[in-house]
Protein backbone atom coordinates (compact mmCIF):
# COMPACT_ATOMS: atom_id res chain seq x y z
CA SER A 1 5.89 16.02 -14.84
CA GLY A 2 8.42 13.19 -13.76
CA PHE A 3 7.48 12.13 -10.72
CA ASN A 4 4.16 11.08 -10.66
CA SER A 5 3.68 6.95 -9.88
CA ILE A 6 1.43 5.06 -12.21
CA GLY A 7 -1.71 4.24 -10.77
CA HIS A 8 -1.54 4.85 -7.02
CA ILE A 9 -0.34 3.73 -3.86
CA ASP A 10 -2.59 2.42 -1.25
CA THR A 11 -0.82 3.16 1.76
CA MET A 12 0.47 6.95 1.82
CA SER A 13 -1.41 9.14 2.99
CA ARG A 14 -0.47 13.21 2.42
CA GLY A 15 -1.78 15.14 5.25
CA ARG A 16 -5.36 14.71 5.20
CA HIS A 17 -5.30 14.22 1.14
CA GLN A 18 -5.36 10.21 0.38
CA ILE A 19 -2.92 10.06 -2.50
CA GLY A 20 -5.21 8.63 -5.25
CA HIS A 21 -5.16 7.92 -9.52
CA TYR A 22 -2.66 10.14 -11.09
CA LYS A 23 -3.68 12.00 -13.74
CA GLU A 24 -0.67 11.82 -15.76
CA GLY A 25 -0.55 7.73 -14.95
CA GLU A 26 -4.26 7.10 -15.33
CA GLU A 27 -4.46 8.69 -19.29
CA PHE A 28 -1.28 5.95 -19.19
CA ILE A 29 -3.44 3.39 -18.07
CA GLN A 30 -6.24 4.06 -20.56
CA ASN A 31 -3.93 4.55 -23.49
CA VAL A 32 -2.90 0.88 -22.94
CA PHE A 33 -6.35 -0.56 -22.72
CA HIS A 34 -7.61 1.54 -25.88
CA VAL A 35 -4.56 -0.02 -28.10
CA LEU A 36 -4.76 -3.33 -26.52
CA SER A 37 -9.00 -3.84 -26.95
CA GLN A 38 -8.04 -2.73 -30.86
CA ILE A 39 -5.06 -5.72 -31.37
CA PHE A 40 -7.20 -8.55 -29.33
CA THR A 41 -9.65 -10.48 -31.00
CA GLY A 42 -12.45 -13.35 -29.54
CA LYS A 43 -11.78 -14.87 -26.44
CA GLU A 44 -8.55 -12.53 -24.85
CA LYS A 45 -10.75 -9.57 -26.27
CA SER A 46 -13.43 -10.69 -23.63
CA ASN A 47 -10.96 -11.13 -21.22
CA LEU A 48 -9.22 -7.83 -21.51
CA ALA A 49 -12.92 -6.23 -20.80
CA ILE A 50 -13.29 -8.36 -17.85
CA CYS A 51 -10.03 -6.79 -16.40
CA TRP A 52 -10.56 -3.49 -17.91
CA LEU A 53 -13.90 -3.44 -15.68
CA GLN A 54 -12.52 -4.89 -12.75
CA TYR A 55 -9.87 -1.96 -13.16
CA GLU A 56 -13.28 1.01 -13.16
CA ILE A 57 -14.51 -0.99 -10.09
CA SER A 58 -11.50 -0.77 -7.93
CA LYS A 59 -11.39 3.07 -8.67
CA VAL A 60 -15.34 3.12 -7.63
CA ILE A 61 -14.39 0.80 -4.47
CA GLN A 62 -11.27 3.57 -3.38
CA CYS A 63 -13.77 6.58 -3.62
CA LEU A 64 -16.28 4.74 -1.74
CA GLN A 65 -13.70 4.37 0.90
CA ALA A 66 -12.69 7.83 1.11
CA LYS A 67 -15.91 9.09 1.36
CA LYS A 68 -16.00 11.36 -1.58
CA LYS A 69 -19.42 11.58 -3.15
CA LYS A 70 -18.71 13.97 -6.22
CA LYS A 71 -15.90 11.91 -7.50
CA LEU A 72 -17.97 8.69 -6.63
CA LYS A 73 -20.82 9.94 -8.95
CA ALA A 74 -18.57 10.89 -12.01
CA GLN A 75 -16.25 7.52 -11.40
CA GLY A 76 -19.70 5.49 -11.46
CA ARG A 77 -21.01 7.23 -15.12
CA LYS A 78 -18.00 6.14 -16.39
CA SER A 79 -17.93 2.87 -15.37
CA LYS A 80 -21.47 2.29 -16.02
CA LYS A 81 -20.88 3.60 -19.68
CA LEU A 82 -17.92 1.54 -20.40
CA ALA A 83 -19.75 -1.14 -18.95
CA LYS A 84 -22.62 -1.40 -21.20
CA ASN A 85 -20.43 -0.78 -24.48
CA PHE A 86 -18.59 -4.17 -23.51
CA LEU A 87 -22.13 -5.69 -22.83
CA LYS A 88 -23.54 -4.36 -26.64
CA ALA A 89 -20.92 -6.42 -28.23
CA ALA A 90 -21.67 -9.46 -29.94
CA ASP A 91 -18.83 -11.59 -28.27
CA ASN A 92 -19.23 -10.45 -24.89
CA ARG A 93 -23.78 -10.52 -24.78
CA ASN A 94 -23.26 -14.11 -22.92
CA ASN A 95 -20.36 -13.60 -21.08
CA LEU A 96 -21.55 -14.09 -17.65
CA SER A 97 -18.69 -12.82 -16.31
CA LEU A 98 -19.05 -9.07 -17.81
CA TRP A 99 -22.37 -9.33 -16.87
CA LYS A 100 -22.02 -10.33 -13.01
CA LEU A 101 -18.99 -7.46 -12.70
CA TYR A 102 -21.61 -4.86 -14.66
CA ALA A 103 -24.16 -5.88 -11.71
CA TYR A 104 -21.29 -5.82 -8.97
CA LEU A 105 -20.58 -2.06 -10.13
CA GLU A 106 -24.23 -1.08 -9.99
CA TRP A 107 -24.05 -2.32 -6.26
CA LEU A 108 -20.99 -0.29 -4.73
CA LEU A 109 -22.28 2.48 -6.80
CA GLY A 110 -25.84 2.22 -4.90
CA ASN A 111 -28.49 0.99 -7.12
CA THR A 112 -29.66 -2.34 -5.41
CA ASP A 113 -32.94 -2.44 -7.79
CA ASP A 114 -30.64 -2.28 -11.01
CA SER A 115 -28.17 -4.42 -9.72
CA ARG A 116 -31.32 -6.67 -8.96
CA LYS A 117 -32.21 -6.31 -12.26
CA VAL A 118 -29.04 -7.04 -14.09
CA PHE A 119 -28.51 -10.53 -11.75
CA ASP A 120 -31.91 -11.50 -12.42
CA THR A 121 -31.49 -10.52 -16.49
CA ALA A 122 -28.41 -12.44 -16.46
CA LEU A 123 -28.99 -15.65 -14.28
CA SER A 124 -32.30 -16.41 -16.75
CA THR A 125 -30.35 -16.28 -19.85
CA ALA A 126 -27.71 -18.52 -18.70
CA GLY A 127 -29.10 -21.56 -19.55
CA THR A 128 -29.55 -24.63 -17.02
CA GLY A 129 -26.57 -25.68 -16.73
CA GLY A 130 -27.19 -25.80 -12.79
CA LEU A 131 -24.22 -26.68 -10.68
CA ARG A 132 -22.33 -27.61 -13.41
CA SER A 133 -21.70 -24.56 -14.73
CA ALA A 134 -18.71 -22.73 -13.38
CA GLN A 135 -19.76 -19.07 -14.44
CA LEU A 136 -23.66 -19.84 -13.31
CA CYS A 137 -22.21 -21.08 -9.77
CA SER A 138 -19.94 -18.05 -9.38
CA LEU A 139 -22.56 -15.46 -10.36
CA SER A 140 -25.42 -17.18 -8.15
CA LEU A 141 -22.15 -16.71 -5.80
CA LEU A 142 -21.72 -13.14 -5.48
CA TYR A 143 -25.29 -12.44 -5.66
CA ALA A 144 -26.24 -14.53 -2.63
CA GLN A 145 -23.04 -13.15 -0.79
CA LEU A 146 -24.09 -9.48 -1.70
CA GLU A 147 -27.95 -10.06 -0.50
CA VAL A 148 -26.55 -11.87 2.96
CA GLU A 149 -24.75 -8.50 3.62
CA LEU A 150 -28.50 -6.67 3.18
CA LEU A 151 -29.39 -8.99 6.33
CA GLU A 152 -29.92 -7.66 10.01
CA SER A 153 -29.52 -10.82 11.65
CA ILE A 154 -29.97 -14.55 10.67
CA GLU A 155 -33.23 -15.12 11.76
CA GLY A 156 -36.30 -15.54 9.24
CA ALA A 157 -33.05 -15.72 6.57
CA VAL A 158 -34.73 -18.99 5.17
CA MET A 159 -37.33 -16.74 3.10
CA SER A 160 -34.86 -14.27 2.08
CA ARG A 161 -33.94 -13.54 -1.72
CA ALA A 162 -30.56 -15.14 -1.01
CA VAL A 163 -32.08 -18.78 -0.63
CA HIS A 164 -34.02 -18.18 -3.34
CA ILE A 165 -31.08 -17.92 -5.38
CA LEU A 166 -29.10 -20.60 -3.99
CA THR A 167 -32.11 -22.93 -4.29
CA LYS A 168 -32.62 -21.86 -7.96
CA LEU A 169 -29.45 -22.64 -8.89
CA THR A 170 -29.98 -26.73 -7.96
CA GLU A 171 -32.83 -26.86 -9.48
CA ASN A 172 -31.33 -27.17 -13.81
CA GLY A 173 -34.27 -25.23 -14.86
CA PRO A 174 -34.96 -21.67 -15.79
CA TYR A 175 -34.62 -18.76 -13.40
CA VAL A 176 -37.51 -17.39 -11.88
CA PRO A 177 -37.40 -13.88 -9.94
CA TYR A 178 -37.76 -13.88 -6.33
CA SER A 179 -41.63 -13.36 -5.27
CA GLY A 180 -41.03 -12.83 -1.63
CA GLN A 181 -41.21 -16.68 -0.12
CA VAL A 182 -39.51 -20.05 -0.62
CA LEU A 183 -40.82 -23.05 -0.34
CA PRO A 184 -39.43 -25.40 2.68
CA VAL A 185 -39.81 -28.32 0.06
CA ASN A 186 -37.11 -26.74 -2.49
CA VAL A 187 -35.21 -26.12 0.59
CA LEU A 188 -34.92 -29.81 1.19
CA LYS A 189 -34.50 -31.00 -2.72
CA ALA A 190 -31.49 -28.22 -2.23
CA ARG A 191 -29.95 -29.23 0.47
CA LYS A 192 -29.42 -33.08 -0.65
CA THR A 193 -28.37 -31.95 -4.50
CA TYR A 194 -25.72 -29.60 -2.64
CA GLU A 195 -24.86 -32.99 -0.72
CA HIS A 196 -24.47 -34.74 -3.73
CA ALA A 197 -22.65 -32.48 -6.08
CA LEU A 198 -19.81 -31.77 -3.48
CA GLN A 199 -19.44 -35.87 -2.49
CA ASP A 200 -18.93 -35.88 -6.38
CA TYR A 201 -16.71 -33.15 -7.05
CA LEU A 202 -14.68 -34.32 -4.02
CA SER A 203 -14.44 -37.72 -5.10
CA ARG A 204 -13.41 -37.43 -8.89
CA THR A 205 -9.75 -37.66 -10.31
CA PRO A 206 -9.58 -35.22 -13.18
CA VAL A 207 -8.19 -36.31 -16.45
CA SER A 208 -6.14 -33.54 -17.65
CA ASP A 209 -4.54 -30.81 -16.33
CA GLN A 210 -7.21 -28.23 -18.06
CA ASP A 211 -10.20 -30.83 -15.54
CA GLN A 212 -8.57 -30.06 -12.57
CA VAL A 213 -7.75 -25.95 -13.22
CA ASN A 214 -11.74 -25.80 -14.39
CA ASP A 215 -12.90 -28.36 -11.63
CA THR A 216 -11.04 -26.79 -8.90
CA ASP A 217 -12.35 -23.29 -9.42
CA GLN A 218 -16.03 -24.93 -9.72
CA LEU A 219 -15.02 -26.37 -6.71
CA VAL A 220 -14.40 -23.38 -4.79
CA ASN A 221 -17.75 -22.00 -5.93
CA LEU A 222 -19.67 -25.07 -4.97
CA VAL A 223 -18.29 -25.24 -1.88
CA GLY A 224 -19.06 -21.15 -1.08
CA CYS A 225 -22.99 -21.76 -2.37
CA TYR A 226 -23.28 -24.68 -0.34
CA ALA A 227 -21.76 -23.53 3.05
CA LEU A 228 -23.70 -20.26 2.32
CA PHE A 229 -27.06 -22.02 1.59
CA GLN A 230 -26.52 -24.16 4.99
CA TYR A 231 -24.97 -20.85 6.84
CA LEU A 232 -28.87 -19.27 6.12
CA THR A 233 -30.93 -22.43 6.72
CA VAL A 234 -29.49 -24.26 9.44
CA GLY A 235 -26.38 -22.55 10.85
CA ILE A 236 -22.82 -21.12 11.54
CA ASP A 237 -21.76 -24.53 12.37
CA ALA A 238 -23.37 -26.38 9.76
CA ALA A 239 -21.21 -23.82 7.23
CA VAL A 240 -17.71 -24.02 9.04
CA LEU A 241 -18.13 -27.95 9.03
CA ILE A 242 -18.39 -27.76 4.76
CA TYR A 243 -16.01 -25.34 4.51
CA THR A 244 -13.82 -27.28 6.85
CA GLN A 245 -14.49 -30.84 4.89
CA ALA A 246 -13.57 -29.42 1.48
CA SER A 247 -9.98 -27.87 3.34
CA GLU A 248 -9.32 -31.88 4.54
CA LYS A 249 -10.19 -33.02 1.06
CA LEU A 250 -8.00 -30.53 -0.88
CA GLU A 251 -4.95 -30.66 1.87
CA VAL A 252 -5.07 -34.33 0.93
CA SER A 253 -5.34 -34.19 -3.12
CA GLY A 254 -2.26 -31.45 -2.58
CA SER A 255 -0.30 -33.76 -0.87
CA GLN A 256 -0.94 -37.23 -2.38
CA LYS A 257 -0.31 -35.28 -6.07
CA CYS A 258 2.98 -34.04 -4.27
CA GLU A 259 4.34 -37.62 -3.99
CA SER A 260 3.23 -39.13 -7.23
CA THR A 261 5.00 -36.00 -9.17
CA GLY A 262 7.76 -35.16 -6.78
CA GLU A 263 7.57 -31.72 -7.08
CA ASN A 264 5.16 -29.08 -6.17
CA SER A 265 4.27 -28.03 -9.59
CA GLY A 266 2.24 -31.00 -10.18
CA ILE A 267 -0.57 -29.30 -8.17
CA LEU A 268 -2.01 -26.90 -10.73
CA ASN A 269 -4.54 -24.94 -9.26
CA PHE A 270 -4.93 -26.86 -5.38
CA PRO A 271 -2.97 -24.60 -3.31
CA THR A 272 -5.46 -21.46 -4.84
CA ALA A 273 -8.58 -23.54 -4.44
CA LEU A 274 -7.26 -24.00 -0.92
CA GLU A 275 -6.78 -20.54 0.14
CA ALA A 276 -10.28 -19.60 -1.62
CA VAL A 277 -12.35 -22.01 0.34
CA THR A 278 -10.13 -20.54 3.21
CA LEU A 279 -11.31 -16.71 2.28
CA LEU A 280 -14.31 -17.80 1.99
CA HIS A 281 -14.46 -19.09 5.29
CA THR A 282 -12.42 -16.47 7.27
CA ASN A 283 -14.75 -13.60 5.83
CA LEU A 284 -18.29 -15.93 6.68
CA LEU A 285 -17.08 -16.08 9.98
CA ARG A 286 -16.20 -12.40 9.90
CA PHE A 287 -19.50 -11.62 8.75
CA HIS A 288 -21.46 -13.97 11.48
CA MET A 289 -19.45 -12.15 14.08
CA LYS A 290 -20.51 -8.52 12.83
CA ILE A 291 -24.62 -9.55 12.96
CA SER A 292 -24.40 -11.79 16.03
CA VAL A 293 -22.91 -12.93 19.36
CA TYR A 294 -20.21 -15.58 18.36
CA PRO A 295 -16.64 -16.17 20.22
CA LEU A 296 -13.42 -14.84 18.71
CA ASN A 297 -11.73 -17.73 18.93
CA PRO A 298 -12.67 -19.89 16.04
CA LEU A 299 -11.87 -17.30 13.90
CA ARG A 300 -8.54 -15.64 15.03
CA GLU A 301 -7.69 -19.96 14.58
CA ALA A 302 -8.57 -20.19 11.27
CA LEU A 303 -6.93 -16.82 10.21
CA THR A 304 -3.70 -18.07 11.89
CA GLU A 305 -3.63 -21.07 10.15
CA ALA A 306 -4.01 -19.94 6.96
CA LEU A 307 -1.78 -17.06 7.33
CA LYS A 308 1.27 -19.90 8.10
CA ARG A 309 -0.02 -21.50 4.71
CA TYR A 310 -0.38 -17.94 2.41
CA PRO A 311 2.17 -16.14 4.51
CA SER A 312 1.28 -13.34 0.83
CA ASN A 313 -2.56 -12.71 1.22
CA GLN A 314 -3.21 -9.62 1.77
CA SER A 315 -6.86 -10.08 2.23
CA LEU A 316 -6.08 -12.45 5.29
CA TRP A 317 -3.52 -10.26 6.74
CA ARG A 318 -6.25 -7.51 6.79
CA SER A 319 -8.44 -9.65 8.18
CA TYR A 320 -6.30 -10.85 11.04
CA ILE A 321 -5.37 -7.06 12.14
CA HIS A 322 -8.82 -6.17 12.36
CA VAL A 323 -9.49 -9.05 14.63
CA GLN A 324 -6.37 -8.03 16.30
CA ARG A 325 -7.49 -4.87 17.02
CA LYS A 326 -10.30 -6.10 18.98
CA SER A 327 -7.89 -7.60 21.65
CA HIS A 328 -5.57 -5.35 24.35
CA SER A 329 -2.87 -7.19 24.28
CA ALA A 330 -0.15 -7.02 21.59
CA SER A 331 2.20 -9.55 22.38
CA LYS A 332 0.88 -12.44 20.81
CA ALA A 333 0.28 -10.91 17.30
CA ARG A 334 3.65 -9.40 17.67
CA ARG A 335 4.77 -13.29 18.23
CA PHE A 336 2.84 -14.86 15.22
CA PHE A 337 3.99 -12.08 12.96
CA ASP A 338 7.89 -12.85 14.00
CA SER A 339 7.13 -16.46 13.35
CA VAL A 340 5.69 -15.88 10.15
CA THR A 341 8.91 -13.50 9.34
CA ARG A 342 11.22 -15.67 10.33
CA SER A 343 9.41 -18.87 8.04
CA THR A 344 9.04 -16.54 4.76
CA ASN A 345 10.88 -14.59 1.80
CA SER A 346 7.50 -12.71 1.32
CA LEU A 347 7.58 -8.76 2.40
CA GLU A 348 3.39 -8.86 2.78
CA PRO A 349 4.40 -9.81 6.70
CA TRP A 350 6.37 -7.18 7.32
CA LEU A 351 4.37 -4.17 5.73
CA PHE A 352 1.47 -5.71 7.61
CA ALA A 353 3.45 -6.09 11.27
CA ILE A 354 4.39 -2.21 10.51
CA GLN A 355 0.41 -1.39 9.68
CA ALA A 356 -0.64 -3.15 12.96
CA GLU A 357 2.22 -1.08 15.11
CA GLN A 358 1.49 2.28 13.41
CA MET A 359 -2.33 1.66 14.07
CA ARG A 360 -1.78 0.92 17.87
CA LYS A 361 0.43 3.89 17.66
CA LYS A 362 -2.19 6.04 16.99
CA LEU A 363 -4.70 4.81 19.19
CA THR A 364 -2.46 5.84 21.97
CA GLU A 365 -1.51 9.12 21.00
CA LYS A 366 -4.85 9.43 20.41
CA VAL A 367 -6.11 9.06 23.95
CA GLN A 368 -3.26 10.46 24.99
CA ARG A 369 -4.53 13.64 23.52
CA ALA A 370 -8.18 13.01 24.29
CA ASP A 371 -9.63 17.01 24.34
CA VAL A 372 -6.88 18.70 24.34
CA GLY A 373 -6.77 19.46 20.98
CA GLU A 374 -3.48 19.14 18.83
CA ILE A 375 -1.26 19.63 21.66
CA HIS A 376 1.58 16.71 21.90
CA CYS A 377 1.40 14.70 25.53
CA THR A 378 4.10 15.41 27.75
CA ILE A 379 5.10 11.86 27.87
CA PRO A 380 5.60 10.57 24.34
CA GLU A 381 5.19 7.04 23.28
CA THR A 382 8.49 5.72 22.66
CA GLY A 383 8.35 2.26 22.94
CA LEU A 384 5.86 2.13 19.75
CA THR A 385 8.31 4.07 17.61
CA ASN A 386 11.37 2.54 18.50
CA ARG A 387 9.76 -0.46 17.55
CA ILE A 388 8.69 0.32 14.31
CA VAL A 389 11.84 1.73 13.76
CA ALA A 390 13.20 -1.76 14.27
CA LEU A 391 10.88 -3.17 11.87
CA PHE A 392 11.25 -1.05 9.33
CA GLU A 393 15.15 -1.67 9.80
CA HIS A 394 14.33 -5.68 9.52
CA ALA A 395 12.47 -5.28 6.58
CA VAL A 396 14.73 -3.27 4.01
CA GLN A 397 17.68 -5.83 5.49
CA SER A 398 15.63 -8.45 3.84
CA GLU A 399 15.85 -9.64 0.09
CA ASN A 400 12.76 -8.64 -0.68
CA GLY A 401 12.66 -5.08 1.01
CA THR A 402 15.92 -4.28 -0.29
CA HIS A 403 14.02 -3.61 -3.69
CA CYS A 404 10.76 -2.51 -2.55
CA PRO A 405 10.07 1.70 -2.91
CA LEU A 406 6.91 0.95 -1.29
CA LEU A 407 8.80 -0.32 1.78
CA TRP A 408 11.51 2.83 1.84
CA ARG A 409 9.29 5.23 0.96
CA MET A 410 6.59 4.23 4.18
CA TYR A 411 9.70 4.07 5.72
CA LEU A 412 10.94 7.95 5.04
CA ASN A 413 7.25 9.04 5.72
CA PHE A 414 6.78 7.63 9.05
CA MET A 415 10.89 8.94 10.30
CA VAL A 416 9.25 12.79 8.81
């Protein structure tokens, strides 16, 4: 019809309706996938299948967030059918990344038992690479993370399915599904294995660039598995210690590479590895605060440090806003946003600063209008409105902001 967008724009809401996937945009994207899948062969075709399934999962997550049960059911059926068709292809039968996405899809749709069966099947057929196989580590890490999210508290977690998965990963033998208990002796052996494996990876110097890419991917998965294992068997401080050790080592390696090559391009995947480790670290702290009493400061400090370094990481910004909503003083967050926007050209800090203020405005209006329905309060909250307009003005004057349709649309939407 001439003005529909392709895909979706998460941030915009029209009345009560969240803008979702448009029909025309959706058809276009599906056509692109279909055409490409006939052109590609071998590895490229498998990679395309992974992208396609990730896209389907993003739609399922969107349905979950919007709490649309009917739409979720229909979307779930379509996505599952697609995933099964991919796995039937001869090239993909042993592709652990596809198995991982299929299991995750089942989990999101609420079919926990089916998802566990898929994970168990994938781990059983994956062979005995153990901690040396990046895909096996990645698969085990996701499985364990999902299981941990079901835990009510950390008490007695040593006997949980997550610990079984992470322990089996270190044994280099065939995977055996969880039977309800984990032997203490296996836990001790696993801890030693993780410790040695991590030391090996941190002290290794990669031969070629390709080795380095593989090694850093593997290191992130290994650190994730080991830290989660320590969290469940020892406690949060033991897990944080591993993240700290790994981050320090990656920072040193990164700066050494910089000096030796004289430019940033020498670090192929180190910044991304460090970013991924930081993300695992902050996510674990957030989860721990959800299920037990823990101070807010370690998380806040970890997030501010990480965001100074990676100002365009959206997941970190989301966590930061979530944390700041718990505190009643906005000045600290405002100062931080201000310092980041001055030091970077990224647009994300502007967008999230605006979002944080809009949330604050919504909250004050909600409090002022309590029990009166939609009658506007007699004293309008102009301070926040002016601040948001000022933020928009500064953002659209920045080089990236001028060319960002989303920012202009948010500005128009707000002014209306």
